[in-house]
């Protein structure tokens, strides 16, 4: 039997009655503004701590992959990764759910895998992720910590040092085995839109050590359009913008310096000569305080006062 009173049905089922938007938030035109519980949001972030974002890039003419086909290909490439899942987000983006943080770091360290056809790139999980607004600025770079003393070569210590530059992913075998002592080698996920530091100050109780940093095969990044793959000198967007500005400047120079205006005074400068009326010259002379009475021209009778005819 269906209850005719919804509020009574909610009491019987133990479900809270629906609340109108005006009672939970503020109405803003066609939008309502609400506030969520911060503790629940942080719990959601904790649930995603072993997740990654990935993007599938296909070339023109490649056959599109379904989610099931993509997972099958990746599973064949990752035989040691168990209990992971894949969720499509649209625009070629996916969210990968791993069973542990260690598995997530191993895949993240790959940077990208060739699916033949197609390329799958992996990125760190971002808060408030929307595929429509994504601009990729992160890259995985091998970083050398030059002449680092051996007592700092423990995994946890190296990860703590590398965290000053980005997110540490893995340490190479030569560093783990201490078979090469010139530098420690760590793969770090770096945000290229941020400042790239040349050294790190390593602090401990009562002491601080400066360590030089070298980046191996740093990818090209354009600071103008915030995109990977080219630098600012070869940015097509900036070149097109400069060409447009240059064309507008040339157009302005080609225009005449002065244009005829009906409302402009008669005393104007011409390209050939200066045109001044008799009234304008007299007015100008009065302002200068140097007015002289000129003799009448020959053949022209002088102007008489009205009293001369009385």
C-alpha atoms as a PDB file:
ATOM      1  CA  UNK A   1       0.000   0.000   0.000  1.00  0.00           C
ATOM      2  CA  UNK A   2       1.313   3.458  -0.954  1.00  0.00           C
ATOM      3  CA  UNK A   3       1.140   6.084   1.765  1.00  0.00           C
ATOM      4  CA  UNK A   4      -0.720   9.250   0.750  1.00  0.00           C
ATOM      5  CA  UNK A   5       1.385  11.396   3.037  1.00  0.00           C
ATOM      6  CA  UNK A   6       5.077  11.419   2.090  1.00  0.00           C
ATOM      7  CA  UNK A   7       6.222  12.671   5.470  1.00  0.00           C
ATOM      8  CA  UNK A   8       4.520   9.716   7.196  1.00  0.00           C
ATOM      9  CA  UNK A   9       6.203   7.293   4.769  1.00  0.00           C
ATOM     10  CA  UNK A  10       9.620   8.732   5.572  1.00  0.00           C
ATOM     11  CA  UNK A  11       8.997   8.277   9.280  1.00  0.00           C
ATOM     12  CA  UNK A  12       8.068   4.649   8.747  1.00  0.00           C
ATOM     13  CA  UNK A  13      11.075   3.843   6.565  1.00  0.00           C
ATOM     14  CA  UNK A  14      13.601   5.707   8.691  1.00  0.00           C
ATOM     15  CA  UNK A  15      14.635   7.952   5.789  1.00  0.00           C
ATOM     16  CA  UNK A  16      14.778  11.697   6.403  1.00  0.00           C
ATOM     17  CA  UNK A  17      12.115  13.690   4.525  1.00  0.00           C
ATOM     18  CA  UNK A  18      13.298  15.672   1.503  1.00  0.00           C
ATOM     19  CA  UNK A  19      14.303  19.238   2.247  1.00  0.00           C
ATOM     20  CA  UNK A  20      13.653  22.131  -0.094  1.00  0.00           C
ATOM     21  CA  UNK A  21      16.695  23.925  -1.510  1.00  0.00           C
ATOM     22  CA  UNK A  22      15.737  27.148   0.222  1.00  0.00           C
ATOM     23  CA  UNK A  23      16.031  25.381   3.584  1.00  0.00           C
ATOM     24  CA  UNK A  24      19.563  23.971   3.007  1.00  0.00           C
ATOM     25  CA  UNK A  25      21.294  26.766   1.117  1.00  0.00           C
ATOM     26  CA  UNK A  26      21.008  30.194  -0.412  1.00  0.00           C
ATOM     27  CA  UNK A  27      19.255  30.729  -3.700  1.00  0.00           C
ATOM     28  CA  UNK A  28      21.350  32.650  -6.265  1.00  0.00           C
ATOM     29  CA  UNK A  29      19.178  33.180  -9.327  1.00  0.00           C
ATOM     30  CA  UNK A  30      19.018  29.825 -11.100  1.00  0.00           C
ATOM     31  CA  UNK A  31      21.648  28.315  -8.766  1.00  0.00           C
ATOM     32  CA  UNK A  32      21.478  27.201  -5.156  1.00  0.00           C
ATOM     33  CA  UNK A  33      24.504  27.423  -2.870  1.00  0.00           C
ATOM     34  CA  UNK A  34      24.989  24.664  -0.276  1.00  0.00           C
ATOM     35  CA  UNK A  35      27.721  23.725   2.184  1.00  0.00           C
ATOM     36  CA  UNK A  36      28.834  20.125   2.694  1.00  0.00           C
ATOM     37  CA  UNK A  37      30.361  18.484   5.747  1.00  0.00           C
ATOM     38  CA  UNK A  38      34.138  18.945   5.690  1.00  0.00           C
ATOM     39  CA  UNK A  39      34.813  15.674   7.529  1.00  0.00           C
ATOM     40  CA  UNK A  40      32.901  13.695   4.910  1.00  0.00           C
ATOM     41  CA  UNK A  41      34.804  15.411   2.087  1.00  0.00           C
ATOM     42  CA  UNK A  42      38.160  14.584   3.717  1.00  0.00           C
ATOM     43  CA  UNK A  43      37.030  10.971   4.072  1.00  0.00           C
ATOM     44  CA  UNK A  44      36.332  10.963   0.341  1.00  0.00           C
ATOM     45  CA  UNK A  45      39.859  12.221  -0.320  1.00  0.00           C
ATOM     46  CA  UNK A  46      41.236   9.463   1.877  1.00  0.00           C
ATOM     47  CA  UNK A  47      39.320   6.872  -0.159  1.00  0.00           C
ATOM     48  CA  UNK A  48      41.073   8.152  -3.317  1.00  0.00           C
ATOM     49  CA  UNK A  49      44.638   8.196  -1.959  1.00  0.00           C
ATOM     50  CA  UNK A  50      45.639   5.194  -4.131  1.00  0.00           C
ATOM     51  CA  UNK A  51      43.977   6.479  -7.336  1.00  0.00           C
ATOM     52  CA  UNK A  52      45.516   7.928 -10.488  1.00  0.00           C
ATOM     53  CA  UNK A  53      44.223   9.883 -13.430  1.00  0.00           C
ATOM     54  CA  UNK A  54      45.032   8.666 -16.931  1.00  0.00           C
ATOM     55  CA  UNK A  55      44.435   9.961 -20.434  1.00  0.00           C
ATOM     56  CA  UNK A  56      44.146   7.885 -23.589  1.00  0.00           C
ATOM     57  CA  UNK A  57      45.603   9.557 -26.686  1.00  0.00           C
ATOM     58  CA  UNK A  58      44.762   8.080 -30.086  1.00  0.00           C
ATOM     59  CA  UNK A  59      46.209   9.165 -33.415  1.00  0.00           C
ATOM     60  CA  UNK A  60      44.084   9.975 -36.422  1.00  0.00           C
ATOM     61  CA  UNK A  61      42.772   6.750 -37.937  1.00  0.00           C
ATOM     62  CA  UNK A  62      43.258   4.616 -34.786  1.00  0.00           C
ATOM     63  CA  UNK A  63      40.369   2.364 -33.778  1.00  0.00           C
ATOM     64  CA  UNK A  64      38.639   3.638 -30.596  1.00  0.00           C
ATOM     65  CA  UNK A  65      38.985   1.405 -27.532  1.00  0.00           C
ATOM     66  CA  UNK A  66      36.171   0.462 -25.208  1.00  0.00           C
ATOM     67  CA  UNK A  67      36.762   0.576 -21.461  1.00  0.00           C
ATOM     68  CA  UNK A  68      36.839  -3.228 -21.304  1.00  0.00           C
ATOM     69  CA  UNK A  69      39.357  -3.480 -24.169  1.00  0.00           C
ATOM     70  CA  UNK A  70      41.553  -0.822 -22.560  1.00  0.00           C
ATOM     71  CA  UNK A  71      41.561  -2.634 -19.215  1.00  0.00           C
ATOM     72  CA  UNK A  72      42.446  -5.910 -20.939  1.00  0.00           C
ATOM     73  CA  UNK A  73      45.446  -4.308 -22.659  1.00  0.00           C
ATOM     74  CA  UNK A  74      46.666  -2.711 -19.450  1.00  0.00           C
ATOM     75  CA  UNK A  75      46.224  -5.945 -17.497  1.00  0.00           C
ATOM     76  CA  UNK A  76      48.483  -7.722 -19.988  1.00  0.00           C
ATOM     77  CA  UNK A  77      51.137  -5.051 -19.427  1.00  0.00           C
ATOM     78  CA  UNK A  78      50.783  -5.204 -15.626  1.00  0.00           C
ATOM     79  CA  UNK A  79      50.706  -8.906 -14.704  1.00  0.00           C
ATOM     80  CA  UNK A  80      51.899  -8.196 -11.137  1.00  0.00           C
ATOM     81  CA  UNK A  81      49.264  -5.537 -10.392  1.00  0.00           C
ATOM     82  CA  UNK A  82      46.203  -7.158  -8.870  1.00  0.00           C
ATOM     83  CA  UNK A  83      42.715  -5.911  -7.915  1.00  0.00           C
ATOM     84  CA  UNK A  84      42.686  -2.651  -9.843  1.00  0.00           C
ATOM     85  CA  UNK A  85      39.841  -0.996 -11.731  1.00  0.00           C
ATOM     86  CA  UNK A  86      39.245   1.632 -14.413  1.00  0.00           C
ATOM     87  CA  UNK A  87      36.500   4.277 -14.592  1.00  0.00           C
ATOM     88  CA  UNK A  88      35.880   6.456 -17.694  1.00  0.00           C
ATOM     89  CA  UNK A  89      35.511  10.195 -17.024  1.00  0.00           C
ATOM     90  CA  UNK A  90      34.976  11.477 -20.574  1.00  0.00           C
ATOM     91  CA  UNK A  91      37.195  13.406 -23.015  1.00  0.00           C
ATOM     92  CA  UNK A  92      39.647  10.481 -23.023  1.00  0.00           C
ATOM     93  CA  UNK A  93      40.295  10.688 -19.256  1.00  0.00           C
ATOM     94  CA  UNK A  94      40.069   7.750 -16.860  1.00  0.00           C
ATOM     95  CA  UNK A  95      40.433   7.214 -13.126  1.00  0.00           C
ATOM     96  CA  UNK A  96      42.443   4.176 -12.059  1.00  0.00           C
ATOM     97  CA  UNK A  97      41.758   2.598  -8.665  1.00  0.00           C
ATOM     98  CA  UNK A  98      44.586   0.509  -7.169  1.00  0.00           C
ATOM     99  CA  UNK A  99      44.654  -1.770  -4.177  1.00  0.00           C
ATOM    100  CA  UNK A 100      47.640  -0.056  -2.546  1.00  0.00           C
ATOM    101  CA  UNK A 101      49.630   3.154  -2.680  1.00  0.00           C
ATOM    102  CA  UNK A 102      52.721   1.168  -3.712  1.00  0.00           C
ATOM    103  CA  UNK A 103      50.971  -0.194  -6.806  1.00  0.00           C
ATOM    104  CA  UNK A 104      49.789   3.325  -7.648  1.00  0.00           C
ATOM    105  CA  UNK A 105      53.339   4.707  -7.399  1.00  0.00           C
ATOM    106  CA  UNK A 106      54.718   1.951  -9.644  1.00  0.00           C
ATOM    107  CA  UNK A 107      52.253   2.784 -12.416  1.00  0.00           C
ATOM    108  CA  UNK A 108      52.649   6.536 -11.913  1.00  0.00           C
ATOM    109  CA  UNK A 109      56.426   6.161 -12.310  1.00  0.00           C
ATOM    110  CA  UNK A 110      55.909   4.738 -15.809  1.00  0.00           C
ATOM    111  CA  UNK A 111      54.632   8.097 -17.003  1.00  0.00           C
ATOM    112  CA  UNK A 112      53.039   6.561 -20.102  1.00  0.00           C
ATOM    113  CA  UNK A 113      52.594   3.193 -21.817  1.00  0.00           C
ATOM    114  CA  UNK A 114      52.331   2.420 -25.535  1.00  0.00           C
ATOM    115  CA  UNK A 115      49.155   0.453 -26.273  1.00  0.00           C
ATOM    116  CA  UNK A 116      49.781   0.017 -30.017  1.00  0.00           C
ATOM    117  CA  UNK A 117      47.672   1.805 -31.103  1.00  0.00           C
ATOM    118  CA  UNK A 118      47.282   4.609 -28.648  1.00  0.00           C
ATOM    119  CA  UNK A 119      49.216   6.047 -25.714  1.00  0.00           C
ATOM    120  CA  UNK A 120      48.088   6.050 -22.087  1.00  0.00           C
ATOM    121  CA  UNK A 121      49.556   8.779 -19.834  1.00  0.00           C
ATOM    122  CA  UNK A 122      49.273   8.827 -16.047  1.00  0.00           C
ATOM    123  CA  UNK A 123      48.945  11.854 -13.776  1.00  0.00           C
ATOM    124  CA  UNK A 124      48.553  12.507 -10.089  1.00  0.00           C
ATOM    125  CA  UNK A 125      45.033  12.726  -8.713  1.00  0.00           C
ATOM    126  CA  UNK A 126      43.742  16.310  -8.559  1.00  0.00           C
ATOM    127  CA  UNK A 127      41.012  17.694  -6.343  1.00  0.00           C
ATOM    128  CA  UNK A 128      37.882  18.999  -8.094  1.00  0.00           C
ATOM    129  CA  UNK A 129      38.935  17.275 -11.313  1.00  0.00           C
ATOM    130  CA  UNK A 130      36.900  18.066 -14.437  1.00  0.00           C
ATOM    131  CA  UNK A 131      38.071  16.781 -17.861  1.00  0.00           C
ATOM    132  CA  UNK A 132      36.842  19.921 -19.660  1.00  0.00           C
ATOM    133  CA  UNK A 133      39.158  22.235 -17.704  1.00  0.00           C
ATOM    134  CA  UNK A 134      42.376  20.192 -17.742  1.00  0.00           C
ATOM    135  CA  UNK A 135      45.726  21.690 -18.781  1.00  0.00           C
ATOM    136  CA  UNK A 136      48.604  19.279 -18.275  1.00  0.00           C
ATOM    137  CA  UNK A 137      51.598  20.874 -16.524  1.00  0.00           C
ATOM    138  CA  UNK A 138      53.092  17.833 -14.736  1.00  0.00           C
ATOM    139  CA  UNK A 139      55.911  15.604 -15.972  1.00  0.00           C
ATOM    140  CA  UNK A 140      57.996  12.764 -14.509  1.00  0.00           C
ATOM    141  CA  UNK A 141      61.668  13.781 -14.433  1.00  0.00           C
ATOM    142  CA  UNK A 142      64.735  11.964 -13.140  1.00  0.00           C
ATOM    143  CA  UNK A 143      66.478  14.279 -10.679  1.00  0.00           C
ATOM    144  CA  UNK A 144      70.082  14.013  -9.558  1.00  0.00           C
ATOM    145  CA  UNK A 145      71.065  15.111  -6.053  1.00  0.00           C
ATOM    146  CA  UNK A 146      74.730  15.843  -6.642  1.00  0.00           C
ATOM    147  CA  UNK A 147      77.459  14.745  -4.161  1.00  0.00           C
ATOM    148  CA  UNK A 148      74.938  13.685  -1.527  1.00  0.00           C
ATOM    149  CA  UNK A 149      76.705  12.065   1.468  1.00  0.00           C
ATOM    150  CA  UNK A 150      76.051   8.352   1.886  1.00  0.00           C
ATOM    151  CA  UNK A 151      74.276   8.684   5.235  1.00  0.00           C
ATOM    152  CA  UNK A 152      71.400  10.401   3.386  1.00  0.00           C
ATOM    153  CA  UNK A 153      70.888   7.510   0.932  1.00  0.00           C
ATOM    154  CA  UNK A 154      68.127   5.713   2.801  1.00  0.00           C
ATOM    155  CA  UNK A 155      64.804   5.452   0.934  1.00  0.00           C
ATOM    156  CA  UNK A 156      62.742   7.479   3.412  1.00  0.00           C
ATOM    157  CA  UNK A 157      65.399  10.202   3.618  1.00  0.00           C
ATOM    158  CA  UNK A 158      65.681  10.447  -0.181  1.00  0.00           C
ATOM    159  CA  UNK A 159      61.899  10.697  -0.517  1.00  0.00           C
ATOM    160  CA  UNK A 160      61.830  13.453   2.103  1.00  0.00           C
ATOM    161  CA  UNK A 161      64.520  15.395   0.214  1.00  0.00           C
ATOM    162  CA  UNK A 162      62.801  14.871  -3.147  1.00  0.00           C
ATOM    163  CA  UNK A 163      59.443  16.055  -1.765  1.00  0.00           C
ATOM    164  CA  UNK A 164      60.828  19.605  -1.828  1.00  0.00           C
ATOM    165  CA  UNK A 165      60.769  19.488  -5.644  1.00  0.00           C
ATOM    166  CA  UNK A 166      57.586  17.517  -6.261  1.00  0.00           C
ATOM    167  CA  UNK A 167      56.149  14.061  -5.614  1.00  0.00           C
ATOM    168  CA  UNK A 168      58.840  11.328  -5.375  1.00  0.00           C
ATOM    169  CA  UNK A 169      57.941   8.127  -7.233  1.00  0.00           C
ATOM    170  CA  UNK A 170      60.825   5.643  -7.348  1.00  0.00           C
ATOM    171  CA  UNK A 171      64.582   5.371  -6.761  1.00  0.00           C
ATOM    172  CA  UNK A 172      66.807   3.709  -9.358  1.00  0.00           C
ATOM    173  CA  UNK A 173      68.664   0.486  -8.618  1.00  0.00           C
ATOM    174  CA  UNK A 174      72.128   2.081  -8.624  1.00  0.00           C
ATOM    175  CA  UNK A 175      71.054   4.439  -5.853  1.00  0.00           C
ATOM    176  CA  UNK A 176      69.333   1.716  -3.830  1.00  0.00           C
ATOM    177  CA  UNK A 177      72.391  -0.556  -4.103  1.00  0.00           C
ATOM    178  CA  UNK A 178      74.819   2.372  -3.588  1.00  0.00           C
ATOM    179  CA  UNK A 179      76.853   1.184  -6.561  1.00  0.00           C
ATOM    180  CA  UNK A 180      77.408   4.711  -7.884  1.00  0.00           C
ATOM    181  CA  UNK A 181      78.253   7.515  -5.489  1.00  0.00           C
ATOM    182  CA  UNK A 182      78.402  10.678  -7.628  1.00  0.00           C
ATOM    183  CA  UNK A 183      74.698  11.458  -7.205  1.00  0.00           C
ATOM    184  CA  UNK A 184      71.440   9.992  -5.931  1.00  0.00           C
ATOM    185  CA  UNK A 185      68.855   9.375  -8.663  1.00  0.00           C
ATOM    186  CA  UNK A 186      65.128   9.834  -7.910  1.00  0.00           C
ATOM    187  CA  UNK A 187      62.162   9.986 -10.290  1.00  0.00           C
ATOM    188  CA  UNK A 188      59.930  12.906  -9.283  1.00  0.00           C
ATOM    189  CA  UNK A 189      56.596  14.155 -10.602  1.00  0.00           C
ATOM    190  CA  UNK A 190      57.221  17.890 -11.104  1.00  0.00           C
ATOM    191  CA  UNK A 191      54.801  20.709 -11.863  1.00  0.00           C
ATOM    192  CA  UNK A 192      56.604  22.630 -14.622  1.00  0.00           C
ATOM    193  CA  UNK A 193      54.409  25.699 -14.122  1.00  0.00           C
ATOM    194  CA  UNK A 194      56.076  26.199 -10.713  1.00  0.00           C
ATOM    195  CA  UNK A 195      59.611  27.376 -10.076  1.00  0.00           C
ATOM    196  CA  UNK A 196      62.350  24.847 -10.866  1.00  0.00           C
ATOM    197  CA  UNK A 197      64.849  24.960  -8.006  1.00  0.00           C
ATOM    198  CA  UNK A 198      68.590  24.522  -8.486  1.00  0.00           C
ATOM    199  CA  UNK A 199      69.354  23.352  -4.955  1.00  0.00           C
ATOM    200  CA  UNK A 200      67.729  21.951  -1.819  1.00  0.00           C
ATOM    201  CA  UNK A 201      68.581  22.863   1.767  1.00  0.00           C
ATOM    202  CA  UNK A 202      68.448  19.616   3.795  1.00  0.00           C
ATOM    203  CA  UNK A 203      67.923  20.326   7.471  1.00  0.00           C
ATOM    204  CA  UNK A 204      68.348  18.119  10.540  1.00  0.00           C
ATOM    205  CA  UNK A 205      68.850  18.819  14.219  1.00  0.00           C
ATOM    206  CA  UNK A 206      71.542  21.471  14.543  1.00  0.00           C
ATOM    207  CA  UNK A 207      72.728  21.297  10.925  1.00  0.00           C
ATOM    208  CA  UNK A 208      71.771  22.244   7.347  1.00  0.00           C
ATOM    209  CA  UNK A 209      73.253  20.916   4.103  1.00  0.00           C
ATOM    210  CA  UNK A 210      72.935  22.480   0.635  1.00  0.00           C
ATOM    211  CA  UNK A 211      72.541  19.915  -2.170  1.00  0.00           C
ATOM    212  CA  UNK A 212      72.805  20.823  -5.853  1.00  0.00           C
ATOM    213  CA  UNK A 213      70.060  19.557  -8.172  1.00  0.00           C
ATOM    214  CA  UNK A 214      70.259  18.518 -11.832  1.00  0.00           C
ATOM    215  CA  UNK A 215      67.232  17.675 -13.994  1.00  0.00           C
ATOM    216  CA  UNK A 216      67.694  14.934 -16.602  1.00  0.00           C
ATOM    217  CA  UNK A 217      65.861  15.381 -19.934  1.00  0.00           C
ATOM    218  CA  UNK A 218      63.562  18.149 -18.793  1.00  0.00           C
ATOM    219  CA  UNK A 219      60.650  18.317 -21.282  1.00  0.00           C
ATOM    220  CA  UNK A 220      59.765  21.491 -23.159  1.00  0.00           C
ATOM    221  CA  UNK A 221      57.138  23.623 -21.456  1.00  0.00           C
ATOM    222  CA  UNK A 222      55.540  26.873 -22.616  1.00  0.00           C
ATOM    223  CA  UNK A 223      54.990  29.398 -19.838  1.00  0.00           C
ATOM    224  CA  UNK A 224      52.642  31.378 -22.123  1.00  0.00           C
ATOM    225  CA  UNK A 225      49.926  28.774 -22.832  1.00  0.00           C
ATOM    226  CA  UNK A 226      50.866  26.379 -19.963  1.00  0.00           C
ATOM    227  CA  UNK A 227      51.311  23.355 -22.221  1.00  0.00           C
ATOM    228  CA  UNK A 228      53.897  20.616 -22.653  1.00  0.00           C
ATOM    229  CA  UNK A 229      55.633  19.869 -25.938  1.00  0.00           C
ATOM    230  CA  UNK A 230      57.067  23.269 -26.925  1.00  0.00           C
ATOM    231  CA  UNK A 231      58.765  26.292 -25.377  1.00  0.00           C
ATOM    232  CA  UNK A 232      57.770  29.950 -25.454  1.00  0.00           C
ATOM    233  CA  UNK A 233      60.042  30.704 -28.450  1.00  0.00           C
ATOM    234  CA  UNK A 234      58.064  28.314 -30.654  1.00  0.00           C
ATOM    235  CA  UNK A 235      54.608  29.011 -29.196  1.00  0.00           C
ATOM    236  CA  UNK A 236      52.218  29.347 -32.153  1.00  0.00           C
ATOM    237  CA  UNK A 237      49.666  31.145 -29.984  1.00  0.00           C
ATOM    238  CA  UNK A 238      52.180  33.831 -28.980  1.00  0.00           C
ATOM    239  CA  UNK A 239      53.537  34.172 -32.541  1.00  0.00           C
ATOM    240  CA  UNK A 240      50.004  34.635 -33.906  1.00  0.00           C
ATOM    241  CA  UNK A 241      49.264  37.211 -31.212  1.00  0.00           C
ATOM    242  CA  UNK A 242      52.432  39.195 -32.030  1.00  0.00           C
ATOM    243  CA  UNK A 243      51.624  39.135 -35.750  1.00  0.00           C
ATOM    244  CA  UNK A 244      48.119  40.457 -35.058  1.00  0.00           C
ATOM    245  CA  UNK A 245      49.478  43.281 -32.900  1.00  0.00           C
ATOM    246  CA  UNK A 246      52.094  44.149 -35.539  1.00  0.00           C
ATOM    247  CA  UNK A 247      49.434  44.334 -38.261  1.00  0.00           C
ATOM    248  CA  UNK A 248      47.297  46.674 -36.170  1.00  0.00           C
ATOM    249  CA  UNK A 249      50.283  48.993 -35.547  1.00  0.00           C
ATOM    250  CA  UNK A 250      51.088  49.164 -39.267  1.00  0.00           C
ATOM    251  CA  UNK A 251      47.447  50.024 -40.019  1.00  0.00           C
ATOM    252  CA  UNK A 252      47.504  52.877 -37.505  1.00  0.00           C
ATOM    253  CA  UNK A 253      50.732  54.307 -39.021  1.00  0.00           C
ATOM    254  CA  UNK A 254      49.240  54.213 -42.518  1.00  0.00           C
ATOM    255  CA  UNK A 255      46.346  56.475 -41.478  1.00  0.00           C
ATOM    256  CA  UNK A 256      46.790  60.314 -42.013  1.00  0.00           C
ATOM    257  CA  UNK A 257      47.928  62.279 -39.008  1.00  0.00           C
ATOM    258  CA  UNK A 258      45.072  64.822 -39.276  1.00  0.00           C
ATOM    259  CA  UNK A 259      41.634  64.503 -40.760  1.00  0.00           C
ATOM    260  CA  UNK A 260      39.163  67.159 -41.850  1.00  0.00           C
ATOM    261  CA  UNK A 261      36.511  67.972 -39.288  1.00  0.00           C
ATOM    262  CA  UNK A 262      33.595  70.348 -39.892  1.00  0.00           C
ATOM    263  CA  UNK A 263      33.608  71.448 -36.267  1.00  0.00           C
ATOM    264  CA  UNK A 264      37.299  72.286 -36.401  1.00  0.00           C
ATOM    265  CA  UNK A 265      38.174  76.046 -36.187  1.00  0.00           C
ATOM    266  CA  UNK A 266      39.053  77.890 -39.388  1.00  0.00           C
ATOM    267  CA  UNK A 267      42.578  78.573 -38.127  1.00  0.00           C
ATOM    268  CA  UNK A 268      44.030  75.202 -39.062  1.00  0.00           C
ATOM    269  CA  UNK A 269      47.398  74.086 -40.353  1.00  0.00           C
ATOM    270  CA  UNK A 270      47.409  72.854 -43.927  1.00  0.00           C
ATOM    271  CA  UNK A 271      50.075  70.649 -45.496  1.00  0.00           C
ATOM    272  CA  UNK A 272      50.856  73.439 -48.039  1.00  0.00           C
ATOM    273  CA  UNK A 273      50.223  76.765 -46.261  1.00  0.00           C
ATOM    274  CA  UNK A 274      48.606  78.390 -43.254  1.00  0.00           C
ATOM    275  CA  UNK A 275      45.129  79.836 -43.849  1.00  0.00           C
ATOM    276  CA  UNK A 276      44.267  82.781 -41.576  1.00  0.00           C
ATOM    277  CA  UNK A 277      41.257  85.037 -42.049  1.00  0.00           C
ATOM    278  CA  UNK A 278      41.462  88.797 -41.486  1.00  0.00           C
ATOM    279  CA  UNK A 279      39.286  88.531 -38.375  1.00  0.00           C
ATOM    280  CA  UNK A 280      41.424  85.743 -36.941  1.00  0.00           C
ATOM    281  CA  UNK A 281      44.667  87.736 -37.484  1.00  0.00           C
ATOM    282  CA  UNK A 282      43.202  90.831 -35.852  1.00  0.00           C
ATOM    283  CA  UNK A 283      41.944  88.832 -32.876  1.00  0.00           C
ATOM    284  CA  UNK A 284      45.317  87.182 -32.509  1.00  0.00           C
ATOM    285  CA  UNK A 285      47.108  90.546 -32.637  1.00  0.00           C
ATOM    286  CA  UNK A 286      44.818  92.014 -29.953  1.00  0.00           C
ATOM    287  CA  UNK A 287      45.690  89.178 -27.596  1.00  0.00           C
ATOM    288  CA  UNK A 288      49.347  89.851 -28.223  1.00  0.00           C
ATOM    289  CA  UNK A 289      48.933  93.566 -27.386  1.00  0.00           C
ATOM    290  CA  UNK A 290      50.449  94.720 -30.617  1.00  0.00           C
ATOM    291  CA  UNK A 291      47.598  96.092 -32.756  1.00  0.00           C
ATOM    292  CA  UNK A 292      48.596  98.733 -35.344  1.00  0.00           C
ATOM    293  CA  UNK A 293      46.239 100.651 -37.600  1.00  0.00           C
ATOM    294  CA  UNK A 294      47.075  99.901 -41.202  1.00  0.00           C
ATOM    295  CA  UNK A 295      46.670 102.361 -44.091  1.00  0.00           C
ATOM    296  CA  UNK A 296      43.910 101.602 -46.565  1.00  0.00           C
ATOM    297  CA  UNK A 297      44.866 100.089 -49.822  1.00  0.00           C
ATOM    298  CA  UNK A 298      44.971 102.207 -52.969  1.00  0.00           C
ATOM    299  CA  UNK A 299      41.677 102.470 -54.769  1.00  0.00           C
ATOM    300  CA  UNK A 300      39.697 101.672 -51.657  1.00  0.00           C
ATOM    301  CA  UNK A 301      38.019 104.455 -49.705  1.00  0.00           C
ATOM    302  CA  UNK A 302      38.669 104.579 -45.978  1.00  0.00           C
ATOM    303  CA  UNK A 303      35.925 103.714 -43.513  1.00  0.00           C
ATOM    304  CA  UNK A 304      34.384 106.901 -42.057  1.00  0.00           C
ATOM    305  CA  UNK A 305      32.902 107.347 -38.650  1.00  0.00           C
ATOM    306  CA  UNK A 306      29.209 108.056 -38.340  1.00  0.00           C
ATOM    307  CA  UNK A 307      29.915 111.648 -37.070  1.00  0.00           C
ATOM    308  CA  UNK A 308      31.568 112.619 -40.358  1.00  0.00           C
ATOM    309  CA  UNK A 309      28.187 112.625 -42.111  1.00  0.00           C
ATOM    310  CA  UNK A 310      26.398 114.891 -39.626  1.00  0.00           C
END
